[in-house]
Amino acid sequence: MITAIVLIQVEADAIPDAAQAIADIEGVGEVYSCAGDVDLIATVKVSTHEELADLIPGRIGKVPGVLDTVTHIAFRSYSRADTESAFSIGVED
């Protein structure tokens, strides 16, 4: 599975509708509105790089109000929850 974090610039008056439209796209896990240099951040999970190449410019980039995207592909995930669950395998309360 390929995980990507997509930083999305959106026209200010289109943020709520664009965020929901992006969240409704298959392969998009979550969309966050945020303060800072970008308007939205989306997490994407797909099986192949080809799917990612189709999804970002072909679907997310064409949502009304989207001005630009920058995509970061994750190599590895680090999570406290993942570590804790790994150490609790086979342990019963």
N, C-alpha and C. Protein backbone atom coordinates (compact mmCIF):
# COMPACT_ATOMS: atom_id res chain seq x y z
N MET A 1 0.85 -1.17 0.00
CA MET A 1 0.00 0.00 0.00
C MET A 1 0.89 1.24 0.00
N ILE A 2 0.56 2.20 -0.84
CA ILE A 2 1.30 3.46 -0.93
C ILE A 2 0.49 4.54 -0.20
N THR A 3 1.14 5.22 0.72
CA THR A 3 0.49 6.31 1.44
C THR A 3 1.11 7.62 1.01
N ALA A 4 0.24 8.59 0.73
CA ALA A 4 0.72 9.91 0.35
C ALA A 4 -0.01 10.96 1.17
N ILE A 5 0.69 12.04 1.42
CA ILE A 5 0.11 13.20 2.07
C ILE A 5 0.07 14.29 1.01
N VAL A 6 -1.12 14.83 0.77
CA VAL A 6 -1.31 15.81 -0.30
C VAL A 6 -1.64 17.16 0.32
N LEU A 7 -0.80 18.15 0.04
CA LEU A 7 -1.03 19.52 0.49
C LEU A 7 -1.79 20.23 -0.63
N ILE A 8 -2.90 20.86 -0.30
CA ILE A 8 -3.81 21.38 -1.32
C ILE A 8 -4.12 22.85 -1.09
N GLN A 9 -3.89 23.67 -2.11
CA GLN A 9 -4.26 25.08 -2.09
C GLN A 9 -5.63 25.19 -2.75
N VAL A 10 -6.54 25.91 -2.09
CA VAL A 10 -7.92 26.02 -2.57
C VAL A 10 -8.36 27.48 -2.49
N GLU A 11 -9.21 27.90 -3.42
CA GLU A 11 -9.82 29.23 -3.33
C GLU A 11 -10.54 29.32 -1.98
N ALA A 12 -10.38 30.43 -1.29
CA ALA A 12 -10.88 30.57 0.08
C ALA A 12 -12.37 30.26 0.22
N ASP A 13 -13.18 30.73 -0.70
CA ASP A 13 -14.62 30.51 -0.58
C ASP A 13 -15.05 29.09 -0.97
N ALA A 14 -14.12 28.30 -1.49
CA ALA A 14 -14.45 26.94 -1.93
C ALA A 14 -13.95 25.86 -0.97
N ILE A 15 -13.30 26.26 0.12
CA ILE A 15 -12.67 25.28 1.02
C ILE A 15 -13.64 24.21 1.54
N PRO A 16 -14.79 24.57 2.11
CA PRO A 16 -15.66 23.52 2.65
C PRO A 16 -16.15 22.52 1.59
N ASP A 17 -16.59 23.05 0.44
CA ASP A 17 -17.10 22.17 -0.62
C ASP A 17 -15.97 21.34 -1.23
N ALA A 18 -14.82 21.95 -1.43
CA ALA A 18 -13.69 21.21 -1.99
C ALA A 18 -13.24 20.12 -1.03
N ALA A 19 -13.20 20.42 0.26
CA ALA A 19 -12.78 19.43 1.26
C ALA A 19 -13.70 18.22 1.23
N GLN A 20 -15.01 18.45 1.17
CA GLN A 20 -15.96 17.34 1.14
C GLN A 20 -15.86 16.55 -0.17
N ALA A 21 -15.70 17.25 -1.27
CA ALA A 21 -15.57 16.58 -2.57
C ALA A 21 -14.32 15.69 -2.60
N ILE A 22 -13.23 16.20 -2.04
CA ILE A 22 -11.99 15.41 -1.98
C ILE A 22 -12.16 14.22 -1.05
N ALA A 23 -12.81 14.42 0.09
CA ALA A 23 -13.02 13.33 1.04
C ALA A 23 -13.87 12.21 0.44
N ASP A 24 -14.72 12.55 -0.51
CA ASP A 24 -15.59 11.56 -1.15
C ASP A 24 -14.89 10.75 -2.24
N ILE A 25 -13.68 11.11 -2.60
CA ILE A 25 -12.94 10.40 -3.65
C ILE A 25 -12.38 9.10 -3.09
N GLU A 26 -12.59 8.00 -3.82
CA GLU A 26 -12.06 6.71 -3.39
C GLU A 26 -10.54 6.76 -3.33
N GLY A 27 -9.99 6.28 -2.23
CA GLY A 27 -8.54 6.32 -2.02
C GLY A 27 -8.12 7.40 -1.05
N VAL A 28 -9.00 8.40 -0.85
CA VAL A 28 -8.71 9.46 0.10
C VAL A 28 -9.21 9.02 1.47
N GLY A 29 -8.32 9.03 2.45
CA GLY A 29 -8.70 8.60 3.80
C GLY A 29 -9.31 9.72 4.61
N GLU A 30 -8.59 10.82 4.71
CA GLU A 30 -9.03 11.94 5.52
C GLU A 30 -8.62 13.24 4.85
N VAL A 31 -9.38 14.29 5.13
CA VAL A 31 -9.05 15.64 4.66
C VAL A 31 -9.13 16.57 5.86
N TYR A 32 -8.09 17.35 6.06
CA TYR A 32 -8.05 18.30 7.17
C TYR A 32 -7.97 19.72 6.62
N SER A 33 -8.79 20.62 7.15
CA SER A 33 -8.59 22.04 6.87
C SER A 33 -7.59 22.53 7.91
N CYS A 34 -6.74 23.45 7.52
CA CYS A 34 -5.69 23.86 8.45
C CYS A 34 -5.26 25.30 8.18
N ALA A 35 -4.57 25.84 9.16
CA ALA A 35 -3.97 27.16 9.02
C ALA A 35 -2.54 26.97 8.54
N GLY A 36 -2.01 27.97 7.88
CA GLY A 36 -0.63 27.88 7.42
C GLY A 36 -0.53 28.09 5.93
N ASP A 37 0.48 27.49 5.34
CA ASP A 37 0.76 27.70 3.92
C ASP A 37 -0.20 26.99 2.98
N VAL A 38 -0.92 26.00 3.48
CA VAL A 38 -1.89 25.28 2.64
C VAL A 38 -3.26 25.33 3.30
N ASP A 39 -4.27 25.07 2.49
CA ASP A 39 -5.64 25.14 2.99
C ASP A 39 -6.16 23.79 3.46
N LEU A 40 -5.79 22.73 2.75
CA LEU A 40 -6.24 21.38 3.07
C LEU A 40 -5.07 20.42 3.03
N ILE A 41 -5.13 19.39 3.86
CA ILE A 41 -4.18 18.30 3.81
C ILE A 41 -4.99 17.01 3.73
N ALA A 42 -4.69 16.18 2.73
CA ALA A 42 -5.40 14.92 2.55
C ALA A 42 -4.43 13.76 2.67
N THR A 43 -4.91 12.67 3.26
CA THR A 43 -4.14 11.43 3.26
C THR A 43 -4.74 10.51 2.20
N VAL A 44 -3.87 9.88 1.44
CA VAL A 44 -4.29 9.03 0.33
C VAL A 44 -3.60 7.68 0.47
N LYS A 45 -4.35 6.61 0.24
CA LYS A 45 -3.77 5.26 0.22
C LYS A 45 -4.24 4.55 -1.05
N VAL A 46 -3.26 4.10 -1.84
CA VAL A 46 -3.54 3.39 -3.08
C VAL A 46 -2.59 2.21 -3.20
N SER A 47 -2.87 1.33 -4.14
CA SER A 47 -2.05 0.13 -4.32
C SER A 47 -0.84 0.35 -5.21
N THR A 48 -0.95 1.24 -6.19
CA THR A 48 0.14 1.41 -7.15
C THR A 48 0.44 2.89 -7.38
N HIS A 49 1.64 3.15 -7.89
CA HIS A 49 2.01 4.52 -8.22
C HIS A 49 1.14 5.04 -9.37
N GLU A 50 0.72 4.15 -10.26
CA GLU A 50 -0.15 4.57 -11.36
C GLU A 50 -1.47 5.10 -10.84
N GLU A 51 -2.03 4.44 -9.80
CA GLU A 51 -3.27 4.93 -9.19
C GLU A 51 -3.06 6.30 -8.58
N LEU A 52 -1.92 6.49 -7.95
CA LEU A 52 -1.60 7.78 -7.34
C LEU A 52 -1.48 8.85 -8.43
N ALA A 53 -0.83 8.49 -9.52
CA ALA A 53 -0.66 9.43 -10.63
C ALA A 53 -2.01 9.81 -11.25
N ASP A 54 -2.97 8.91 -11.24
CA ASP A 54 -4.31 9.21 -11.75
C ASP A 54 -5.12 10.01 -10.73
N LEU A 55 -5.01 9.64 -9.47
CA LEU A 55 -5.83 10.22 -8.42
C LEU A 55 -5.53 11.69 -8.16
N ILE A 56 -4.25 12.03 -8.04
CA ILE A 56 -3.89 13.40 -7.64
C ILE A 56 -4.25 14.40 -8.75
N PRO A 57 -3.64 14.31 -9.93
CA PRO A 57 -4.01 15.31 -10.94
C PRO A 57 -5.38 15.07 -11.58
N GLY A 58 -5.77 13.82 -11.70
CA GLY A 58 -6.99 13.49 -12.42
C GLY A 58 -8.27 13.67 -11.63
N ARG A 59 -8.21 13.53 -10.32
CA ARG A 59 -9.42 13.64 -9.50
C ARG A 59 -9.31 14.82 -8.53
N ILE A 60 -8.30 14.81 -7.66
CA ILE A 60 -8.17 15.89 -6.67
C ILE A 60 -7.91 17.22 -7.37
N GLY A 61 -7.01 17.24 -8.32
CA GLY A 61 -6.66 18.47 -9.03
C GLY A 61 -7.81 19.07 -9.83
N LYS A 62 -8.83 18.27 -10.11
CA LYS A 62 -9.96 18.75 -10.91
C LYS A 62 -11.18 19.13 -10.07
N VAL A 63 -11.06 19.02 -8.75
CA VAL A 63 -12.15 19.45 -7.87
C VAL A 63 -12.28 20.97 -8.00
N PRO A 64 -13.50 21.48 -8.20
CA PRO A 64 -13.68 22.93 -8.31
C PRO A 64 -13.09 23.68 -7.10
N GLY A 65 -12.31 24.70 -7.40
CA GLY A 65 -11.69 25.51 -6.36
C GLY A 65 -10.25 25.13 -6.04
N VAL A 66 -9.83 23.92 -6.42
CA VAL A 66 -8.45 23.50 -6.16
C VAL A 66 -7.51 24.25 -7.10
N LEU A 67 -6.51 24.90 -6.51
CA LEU A 67 -5.56 25.70 -7.28
C LEU A 67 -4.24 24.97 -7.51
N ASP A 68 -3.80 24.18 -6.51
CA ASP A 68 -2.49 23.53 -6.63
C ASP A 68 -2.41 22.39 -5.61
N THR A 69 -1.59 21.40 -5.92
CA THR A 69 -1.33 20.32 -4.98
C THR A 69 0.17 20.04 -4.93
N VAL A 70 0.61 19.60 -3.77
CA VAL A 70 1.99 19.12 -3.58
C VAL A 70 1.86 17.79 -2.86
N THR A 71 2.47 16.76 -3.43
CA THR A 71 2.31 15.41 -2.89
C THR A 71 3.60 14.91 -2.27
N HIS A 72 3.48 14.33 -1.08
CA HIS A 72 4.61 13.72 -0.38
C HIS A 72 4.27 12.24 -0.20
N ILE A 73 5.14 11.37 -0.66
CA ILE A 73 4.93 9.93 -0.52
C ILE A 73 5.64 9.45 0.74
N ALA A 74 4.90 8.72 1.57
CA ALA A 74 5.46 8.21 2.82
C ALA A 74 6.24 6.93 2.57
N PHE A 75 7.40 6.81 3.18
CA PHE A 75 8.22 5.60 3.10
C PHE A 75 7.90 4.64 4.23
N ARG A 76 7.69 5.19 5.42
CA ARG A 76 7.50 4.37 6.61
C ARG A 76 6.60 5.13 7.58
N SER A 77 5.84 4.40 8.37
CA SER A 77 4.94 5.00 9.34
C SER A 77 5.47 4.74 10.75
N TYR A 78 5.46 5.77 11.57
CA TYR A 78 5.84 5.64 12.97
C TYR A 78 4.67 6.10 13.80
N SER A 79 4.20 5.25 14.69
CA SER A 79 3.04 5.59 15.48
C SER A 79 3.13 4.95 16.85
N ARG A 80 2.85 5.70 17.86
CA ARG A 80 2.85 5.15 19.22
C ARG A 80 1.81 4.04 19.33
N ALA A 81 0.64 4.24 18.72
CA ALA A 81 -0.42 3.23 18.77
C ALA A 81 0.04 1.92 18.11
N ASP A 82 0.76 2.02 16.99
CA ASP A 82 1.25 0.82 16.31
C ASP A 82 2.23 0.07 17.20
N THR A 83 3.13 0.80 17.86
CA THR A 83 4.12 0.17 18.72
C THR A 83 3.45 -0.50 19.91
N GLU A 84 2.51 0.20 20.54
CA GLU A 84 1.84 -0.35 21.70
C GLU A 84 1.03 -1.60 21.33
N SER A 85 0.37 -1.59 20.18
CA SER A 85 -0.43 -2.75 19.78
C SER A 85 0.47 -3.92 19.43
N ALA A 86 1.63 -3.68 18.87
CA ALA A 86 2.56 -4.76 18.54
C ALA A 86 3.04 -5.47 19.81
N PHE A 87 3.29 -4.70 20.87
CA PHE A 87 3.76 -5.29 22.11
C PHE A 87 2.65 -5.96 22.93
N SER A 88 1.39 -5.70 22.56
CA SER A 88 0.29 -6.30 23.31
C SER A 88 -0.29 -7.54 22.63
N ILE A 89 0.30 -7.93 21.50
CA ILE A 89 -0.20 -9.14 20.81
C ILE A 89 -0.04 -10.35 21.71
N GLY A 90 -1.12 -11.06 21.90
CA GLY A 90 -1.10 -12.27 22.73
C GLY A 90 -1.24 -12.03 24.21
N VAL A 91 -1.30 -10.77 24.61
CA VAL A 91 -1.47 -10.44 26.01
C VAL A 91 -2.95 -10.20 26.27
N GLU A 92 -3.48 -10.92 27.25
CA GLU A 92 -4.91 -10.75 27.56
C GLU A 92 -5.04 -10.11 28.93
N ASP A 93 -6.03 -9.22 29.03
CA ASP A 93 -6.29 -8.55 30.33
C ASP A 93 -7.13 -9.40 31.23
